[in-house]
């Protein structure tokens, strides 16, 4: 399976956190924001496994890979 690494700037992280904390977005937008924030491999981020994300969000591994690929 292809592995994608996510590297975000501080501004991108702030935008994603704003999406998660505010309440007027679609479910798909929330889901993508959560995936990107949890798979982000930055200096101060903590790495969460794809399996754990699948359990919490109740989604498949392919969904995670598709979101990562689009980024």
PDB file of N, CA and C in Angstrom:
ATOM      1  N   UNK A   1       0.844  -1.179   0.000  1.00  0.00           N
ATOM      2  CA  UNK A   1       0.000   0.000   0.000  1.00  0.00           C
ATOM      3  C   UNK A   1       0.892   1.246   0.000  1.00  0.00           C
ATOM      4  N   UNK A   2       0.480   2.249  -0.712  1.00  0.00           N
ATOM      5  CA  UNK A   2       1.241   3.482  -0.832  1.00  0.00           C
ATOM      6  C   UNK A   2       1.115   4.290   0.452  1.00  0.00           C
ATOM      7  N   UNK A   3       2.236   4.805   0.923  1.00  0.00           N
ATOM      8  CA  UNK A   3       2.234   5.630   2.130  1.00  0.00           C
ATOM      9  C   UNK A   3       2.418   7.080   1.743  1.00  0.00           C
ATOM     10  N   UNK A   4       1.604   7.925   2.264  1.00  0.00           N
ATOM     11  CA  UNK A   4       1.694   9.357   2.020  1.00  0.00           C
ATOM     12  C   UNK A   4       2.046  10.050   3.327  1.00  0.00           C
ATOM     13  N   UNK A   5       2.968  10.987   3.270  1.00  0.00           N
ATOM     14  CA  UNK A   5       3.307  11.743   4.462  1.00  0.00           C
ATOM     15  C   UNK A   5       2.673  13.120   4.369  1.00  0.00           C
ATOM     16  N   UNK A   6       2.171  13.576   5.482  1.00  0.00           N
ATOM     17  CA  UNK A   6       1.488  14.862   5.545  1.00  0.00           C
ATOM     18  C   UNK A   6       2.389  15.848   6.266  1.00  0.00           C
ATOM     19  N   UNK A   7       2.704  16.922   5.604  1.00  0.00           N
ATOM     20  CA  UNK A   7       3.479  18.008   6.198  1.00  0.00           C
ATOM     21  C   UNK A   7       2.666  19.283   6.023  1.00  0.00           C
ATOM     22  N   UNK A   8       2.324  19.911   7.125  1.00  0.00           N
ATOM     23  CA  UNK A   8       1.485  21.106   7.109  1.00  0.00           C
ATOM     24  C   UNK A   8       2.240  22.295   7.695  1.00  0.00           C
ATOM     25  N   UNK A   9       1.887  23.468   7.219  1.00  0.00           N
ATOM     26  CA  UNK A   9       2.449  24.690   7.796  1.00  0.00           C
ATOM     27  C   UNK A   9       1.621  25.071   9.023  1.00  0.00           C
ATOM     28  N   UNK A  10       2.116  26.027   9.802  1.00  0.00           N
ATOM     29  CA  UNK A  10       1.363  26.488  10.977  1.00  0.00           C
ATOM     30  C   UNK A  10       0.021  27.059  10.564  1.00  0.00           C
ATOM     31  N   UNK A  11      -0.015  27.762   9.456  1.00  0.00           N
ATOM     32  CA  UNK A  11      -1.263  28.357   8.981  1.00  0.00           C
ATOM     33  C   UNK A  11      -2.270  27.277   8.589  1.00  0.00           C
ATOM     34  N   UNK A  12      -1.808  26.229   7.917  1.00  0.00           N
ATOM     35  CA  UNK A  12      -2.700  25.139   7.535  1.00  0.00           C
ATOM     36  C   UNK A  12      -3.243  24.414   8.760  1.00  0.00           C
ATOM     37  N   UNK A  13      -2.395  24.203   9.750  1.00  0.00           N
ATOM     38  CA  UNK A  13      -2.844  23.556  10.992  1.00  0.00           C
ATOM     39  C   UNK A  13      -3.896  24.425  11.675  1.00  0.00           C
ATOM     40  N   UNK A  14      -3.675  25.723  11.713  1.00  0.00           N
ATOM     41  CA  UNK A  14      -4.642  26.639  12.330  1.00  0.00           C
ATOM     42  C   UNK A  14      -5.976  26.606  11.588  1.00  0.00           C
ATOM     43  N   UNK A  15      -5.933  26.548  10.267  1.00  0.00           N
ATOM     44  CA  UNK A  15      -7.169  26.481   9.480  1.00  0.00           C
ATOM     45  C   UNK A  15      -7.925  25.186   9.758  1.00  0.00           C
ATOM     46  N   UNK A  16      -7.197  24.063   9.830  1.00  0.00           N
ATOM     47  CA  UNK A  16      -7.850  22.785  10.115  1.00  0.00           C
ATOM     48  C   UNK A  16      -8.437  22.756  11.518  1.00  0.00           C
ATOM     49  N   UNK A  17      -7.728  23.309  12.480  1.00  0.00           N
ATOM     50  CA  UNK A  17      -8.255  23.363  13.845  1.00  0.00           C
ATOM     51  C   UNK A  17      -9.479  24.264  13.922  1.00  0.00           C
ATOM     52  N   UNK A  18      -9.520  25.318  13.116  1.00  0.00           N
ATOM     53  CA  UNK A  18     -10.699  26.187  13.074  1.00  0.00           C
ATOM     54  C   UNK A  18     -11.896  25.436  12.509  1.00  0.00           C
ATOM     55  N   UNK A  19     -11.670  24.618  11.501  1.00  0.00           N
ATOM     56  CA  UNK A  19     -12.761  23.818  10.922  1.00  0.00           C
ATOM     57  C   UNK A  19     -13.325  22.869  11.963  1.00  0.00           C
ATOM     58  N   UNK A  20     -12.440  22.226  12.716  1.00  0.00           N
ATOM     59  CA  UNK A  20     -12.875  21.253  13.720  1.00  0.00           C
ATOM     60  C   UNK A  20     -13.614  21.936  14.865  1.00  0.00           C
ATOM     61  N   UNK A  21     -13.191  23.133  15.241  1.00  0.00           N
ATOM     62  CA  UNK A  21     -13.790  23.779  16.406  1.00  0.00           C
ATOM     63  C   UNK A  21     -15.052  24.578  16.091  1.00  0.00           C
ATOM     64  N   UNK A  22     -15.286  24.935  14.846  1.00  0.00           N
ATOM     65  CA  UNK A  22     -16.487  25.689  14.486  1.00  0.00           C
ATOM     66  C   UNK A  22     -17.534  24.755  13.906  1.00  0.00           C
ATOM     67  N   UNK A  23     -18.785  25.163  13.931  1.00  0.00           N
ATOM     68  CA  UNK A  23     -19.846  24.217  13.638  1.00  0.00           C
ATOM     69  C   UNK A  23     -20.642  24.372  12.372  1.00  0.00           C
ATOM     70  N   UNK A  24     -20.092  24.917  11.299  1.00  0.00           N
ATOM     71  CA  UNK A  24     -20.923  25.077  10.105  1.00  0.00           C
ATOM     72  C   UNK A  24     -20.272  24.465   8.866  1.00  0.00           C
ATOM     73  N   UNK A  25     -19.765  23.254   9.009  1.00  0.00           N
ATOM     74  CA  UNK A  25     -19.115  22.582   7.896  1.00  0.00           C
ATOM     75  C   UNK A  25     -19.777  21.233   7.652  1.00  0.00           C
ATOM     76  N   UNK A  26     -19.529  20.671   6.471  1.00  0.00           N
ATOM     77  CA  UNK A  26     -20.099  19.370   6.151  1.00  0.00           C
ATOM     78  C   UNK A  26     -19.353  18.263   6.890  1.00  0.00           C
ATOM     79  N   UNK A  27     -19.968  17.112   6.951  1.00  0.00           N
ATOM     80  CA  UNK A  27     -19.358  15.967   7.608  1.00  0.00           C
ATOM     81  C   UNK A  27     -18.063  15.573   6.915  1.00  0.00           C
ATOM     82  N   UNK A  28     -18.042  15.642   5.604  1.00  0.00           N
ATOM     83  CA  UNK A  28     -16.839  15.299   4.859  1.00  0.00           C
ATOM     84  C   UNK A  28     -15.687  16.249   5.195  1.00  0.00           C
ATOM     85  N   UNK A  29     -15.997  17.522   5.366  1.00  0.00           N
ATOM     86  CA  UNK A  29     -14.972  18.505   5.713  1.00  0.00           C
ATOM     87  C   UNK A  29     -14.400  18.211   7.095  1.00  0.00           C
ATOM     88  N   UNK A  30     -15.270  17.912   8.062  1.00  0.00           N
ATOM     89  CA  UNK A  30     -14.806  17.547   9.407  1.00  0.00           C
ATOM     90  C   UNK A  30     -13.909  16.311   9.357  1.00  0.00           C
ATOM     91  N   UNK A  31     -14.376  15.302   8.648  1.00  0.00           N
ATOM     92  CA  UNK A  31     -13.640  14.042   8.576  1.00  0.00           C
ATOM     93  C   UNK A  31     -12.252  14.251   7.974  1.00  0.00           C
ATOM     94  N   UNK A  32     -12.180  14.997   6.885  1.00  0.00           N
ATOM     95  CA  UNK A  32     -10.881  15.269   6.251  1.00  0.00           C
ATOM     96  C   UNK A  32      -9.973  16.070   7.184  1.00  0.00           C
ATOM     97  N   UNK A  33     -10.530  17.048   7.884  1.00  0.00           N
ATOM     98  CA  UNK A  33      -9.735  17.852   8.811  1.00  0.00           C
ATOM     99  C   UNK A  33      -9.186  16.991   9.944  1.00  0.00           C
ATOM    100  N   UNK A  34     -10.017  16.119  10.515  1.00  0.00           N
ATOM    101  CA  UNK A  34      -9.553  15.228  11.578  1.00  0.00           C
ATOM    102  C   UNK A  34      -8.448  14.291  11.073  1.00  0.00           C
ATOM    103  N   UNK A  35      -8.632  13.743   9.883  1.00  0.00           N
ATOM    104  CA  UNK A  35      -7.622  12.834   9.327  1.00  0.00           C
ATOM    105  C   UNK A  35      -6.301  13.565   9.140  1.00  0.00           C
ATOM    106  N   UNK A  36      -6.345  14.746   8.541  1.00  0.00           N
ATOM    107  CA  UNK A  36      -5.113  15.482   8.274  1.00  0.00           C
ATOM    108  C   UNK A  36      -4.418  15.921   9.562  1.00  0.00           C
ATOM    109  N   UNK A  37      -5.190  16.356  10.549  1.00  0.00           N
ATOM    110  CA  UNK A  37      -4.581  16.758  11.822  1.00  0.00           C
ATOM    111  C   UNK A  37      -3.946  15.578  12.552  1.00  0.00           C
ATOM    112  N   UNK A  38      -4.561  14.414  12.465  1.00  0.00           N
ATOM    113  CA  UNK A  38      -4.037  13.254  13.186  1.00  0.00           C
ATOM    114  C   UNK A  38      -2.902  12.547  12.459  1.00  0.00           C
ATOM    115  N   UNK A  39      -2.785  12.728  11.160  1.00  0.00           N
ATOM    116  CA  UNK A  39      -1.698  12.089  10.428  1.00  0.00           C
ATOM    117  C   UNK A  39      -0.550  13.045  10.145  1.00  0.00           C
ATOM    118  N   UNK A  40      -0.679  14.279  10.591  1.00  0.00           N
ATOM    119  CA  UNK A  40       0.340  15.298  10.399  1.00  0.00           C
ATOM    120  C   UNK A  40       1.625  14.897  11.107  1.00  0.00           C
ATOM    121  N   UNK A  41       2.740  14.958  10.401  1.00  0.00           N
ATOM    122  CA  UNK A  41       4.031  14.566  10.962  1.00  0.00           C
ATOM    123  C   UNK A  41       4.904  15.793  11.164  1.00  0.00           C
ATOM    124  N   UNK A  42       4.532  16.620  12.107  1.00  0.00           N
ATOM    125  CA  UNK A  42       5.278  17.838  12.379  1.00  0.00           C
ATOM    126  C   UNK A  42       6.152  17.706  13.602  1.00  0.00           C
ATOM    127  N   UNK A  43       6.786  18.807  13.954  1.00  0.00           N
ATOM    128  CA  UNK A  43       7.701  18.812  15.094  1.00  0.00           C
ATOM    129  C   UNK A  43       6.981  18.564  16.414  1.00  0.00           C
ATOM    130  N   UNK A  44       5.805  19.136  16.584  1.00  0.00           N
ATOM    131  CA  UNK A  44       5.110  19.065  17.871  1.00  0.00           C
ATOM    132  C   UNK A  44       3.852  18.221  17.820  1.00  0.00           C
ATOM    133  N   UNK A  45       3.688  17.435  16.784  1.00  0.00           N
ATOM    134  CA  UNK A  45       2.495  16.604  16.680  1.00  0.00           C
ATOM    135  C   UNK A  45       2.784  15.229  17.258  1.00  0.00           C
ATOM    136  N   UNK A  46       1.746  14.563  17.678  1.00  0.00           N
ATOM    137  CA  UNK A  46       1.925  13.196  18.119  1.00  0.00           C
ATOM    138  C   UNK A  46       1.314  12.291  17.056  1.00  0.00           C
ATOM    139  N   UNK A  47       2.028  11.271  16.704  1.00  0.00           N
ATOM    140  CA  UNK A  47       1.643  10.389  15.613  1.00  0.00           C
ATOM    141  C   UNK A  47       0.550   9.441  16.075  1.00  0.00           C
ATOM    142  N   UNK A  48      -0.521   9.402  15.316  1.00  0.00           N
ATOM    143  CA  UNK A  48      -1.622   8.482  15.565  1.00  0.00           C
ATOM    144  C   UNK A  48      -1.646   7.496  14.406  1.00  0.00           C
ATOM    145  N   UNK A  49      -1.801   6.224  14.703  1.00  0.00           N
ATOM    146  CA  UNK A  49      -1.795   5.223  13.640  1.00  0.00           C
ATOM    147  C   UNK A  49      -3.086   5.277  12.843  1.00  0.00           C
ATOM    148  N   UNK A  50      -2.995   4.822  11.590  1.00  0.00           N
ATOM    149  CA  UNK A  50      -4.182   4.781  10.739  1.00  0.00           C
ATOM    150  C   UNK A  50      -5.241   3.851  11.317  1.00  0.00           C
ATOM    151  N   UNK A  51      -4.811   2.774  11.952  1.00  0.00           N
ATOM    152  CA  UNK A  51      -5.768   1.834  12.543  1.00  0.00           C
ATOM    153  C   UNK A  51      -6.589   2.507  13.634  1.00  0.00           C
ATOM    154  N   UNK A  52      -5.933   3.329  14.434  1.00  0.00           N
ATOM    155  CA  UNK A  52      -6.642   4.044  15.515  1.00  0.00           C
ATOM    156  C   UNK A  52      -7.628   5.053  14.935  1.00  0.00           C
ATOM    157  N   UNK A  53      -7.233   5.747  13.878  1.00  0.00           N
ATOM    158  CA  UNK A  53      -8.135   6.704  13.220  1.00  0.00           C
ATOM    159  C   UNK A  53      -9.348   5.970  12.660  1.00  0.00           C
ATOM    160  N   UNK A  54      -9.115   4.791  12.081  1.00  0.00           N
ATOM    161  CA  UNK A  54     -10.228   3.985  11.550  1.00  0.00           C
ATOM    162  C   UNK A  54     -11.227   3.619  12.643  1.00  0.00           C
ATOM    163  N   UNK A  55     -10.711   3.250  13.810  1.00  0.00           N
ATOM    164  CA  UNK A  55     -11.581   2.877  14.926  1.00  0.00           C
ATOM    165  C   UNK A  55     -12.400   4.059  15.418  1.00  0.00           C
ATOM    166  N   UNK A  56     -11.750   5.199  15.576  1.00  0.00           N
ATOM    167  CA  UNK A  56     -12.422   6.364  16.152  1.00  0.00           C
ATOM    168  C   UNK A  56     -13.442   6.949  15.182  1.00  0.00           C
ATOM    169  N   UNK A  57     -13.061   7.126  13.931  1.00  0.00           N
ATOM    170  CA  UNK A  57     -13.950   7.759  12.957  1.00  0.00           C
ATOM    171  C   UNK A  57     -14.861   6.771  12.229  1.00  0.00           C
ATOM    172  N   UNK A  58     -14.623   5.475  12.445  1.00  0.00           N
ATOM    173  CA  UNK A  58     -15.396   4.419  11.792  1.00  0.00           C
ATOM    174  C   UNK A  58     -15.351   4.554  10.275  1.00  0.00           C
ATOM    175  N   UNK A  59     -14.140   4.616   9.770  1.00  0.00           N
ATOM    176  CA  UNK A  59     -13.907   4.694   8.331  1.00  0.00           C
ATOM    177  C   UNK A  59     -12.883   3.645   7.943  1.00  0.00           C
ATOM    178  N   UNK A  60     -12.695   3.446   6.654  1.00  0.00           N
ATOM    179  CA  UNK A  60     -11.744   2.455   6.173  1.00  0.00           C
ATOM    180  C   UNK A  60     -10.375   3.052   5.925  1.00  0.00           C
ATOM    181  N   UNK A  61      -9.402   2.149   5.780  1.00  0.00           N
ATOM    182  CA  UNK A  61      -8.029   2.569   5.515  1.00  0.00           C
ATOM    183  C   UNK A  61      -7.928   3.283   4.170  1.00  0.00           C
ATOM    184  N   UNK A  62      -8.703   2.850   3.205  1.00  0.00           N
ATOM    185  CA  UNK A  62      -8.656   3.487   1.878  1.00  0.00           C
ATOM    186  C   UNK A  62      -9.114   4.924   1.941  1.00  0.00           C
ATOM    187  N   UNK A  63     -10.075   5.219   2.793  1.00  0.00           N
ATOM    188  CA  UNK A  63     -10.534   6.596   2.944  1.00  0.00           C
ATOM    189  C   UNK A  63      -9.400   7.484   3.437  1.00  0.00           C
ATOM    190  N   UNK A  64      -8.652   7.006   4.392  1.00  0.00           N
ATOM    191  CA  UNK A  64      -7.520   7.760   4.914  1.00  0.00           C
ATOM    192  C   UNK A  64      -6.484   7.993   3.827  1.00  0.00           C
ATOM    193  N   UNK A  65      -6.179   6.953   3.071  1.00  0.00           N
ATOM    194  CA  UNK A  65      -5.185   7.093   1.999  1.00  0.00           C
ATOM    195  C   UNK A  65      -5.664   8.045   0.907  1.00  0.00           C
ATOM    196  N   UNK A  66      -6.956   8.026   0.606  1.00  0.00           N
ATOM    197  CA  UNK A  66      -7.477   8.947  -0.415  1.00  0.00           C
ATOM    198  C   UNK A  66      -7.386  10.401   0.043  1.00  0.00           C
ATOM    199  N   UNK A  67      -7.685  10.641   1.300  1.00  0.00           N
ATOM    200  CA  UNK A  67      -7.581  12.016   1.834  1.00  0.00           C
ATOM    201  C   UNK A  67      -6.138  12.476   1.812  1.00  0.00           C
ATOM    202  N   UNK A  68      -5.225  11.614   2.232  1.00  0.00           N
ATOM    203  CA  UNK A  68      -3.817  11.958   2.223  1.00  0.00           C
ATOM    204  C   UNK A  68      -3.315  12.224   0.813  1.00  0.00           C
ATOM    205  N   UNK A  69      -3.766  11.424  -0.143  1.00  0.00           N
ATOM    206  CA  UNK A  69      -3.332  11.577  -1.531  1.00  0.00           C
ATOM    207  C   UNK A  69      -3.801  12.910  -2.104  1.00  0.00           C
ATOM    208  N   UNK A  70      -5.021  13.335  -1.769  1.00  0.00           N
ATOM    209  CA  UNK A  70      -5.552  14.588  -2.277  1.00  0.00           C
ATOM    210  C   UNK A  70      -4.813  15.809  -1.758  1.00  0.00           C
ATOM    211  N   UNK A  71      -4.157  15.662  -0.618  1.00  0.00           N
ATOM    212  CA  UNK A  71      -3.494  16.805  -0.004  1.00  0.00           C
ATOM    213  C   UNK A  71      -2.206  17.116  -0.621  1.00  0.00           C
TER     214      UNK A  71
END
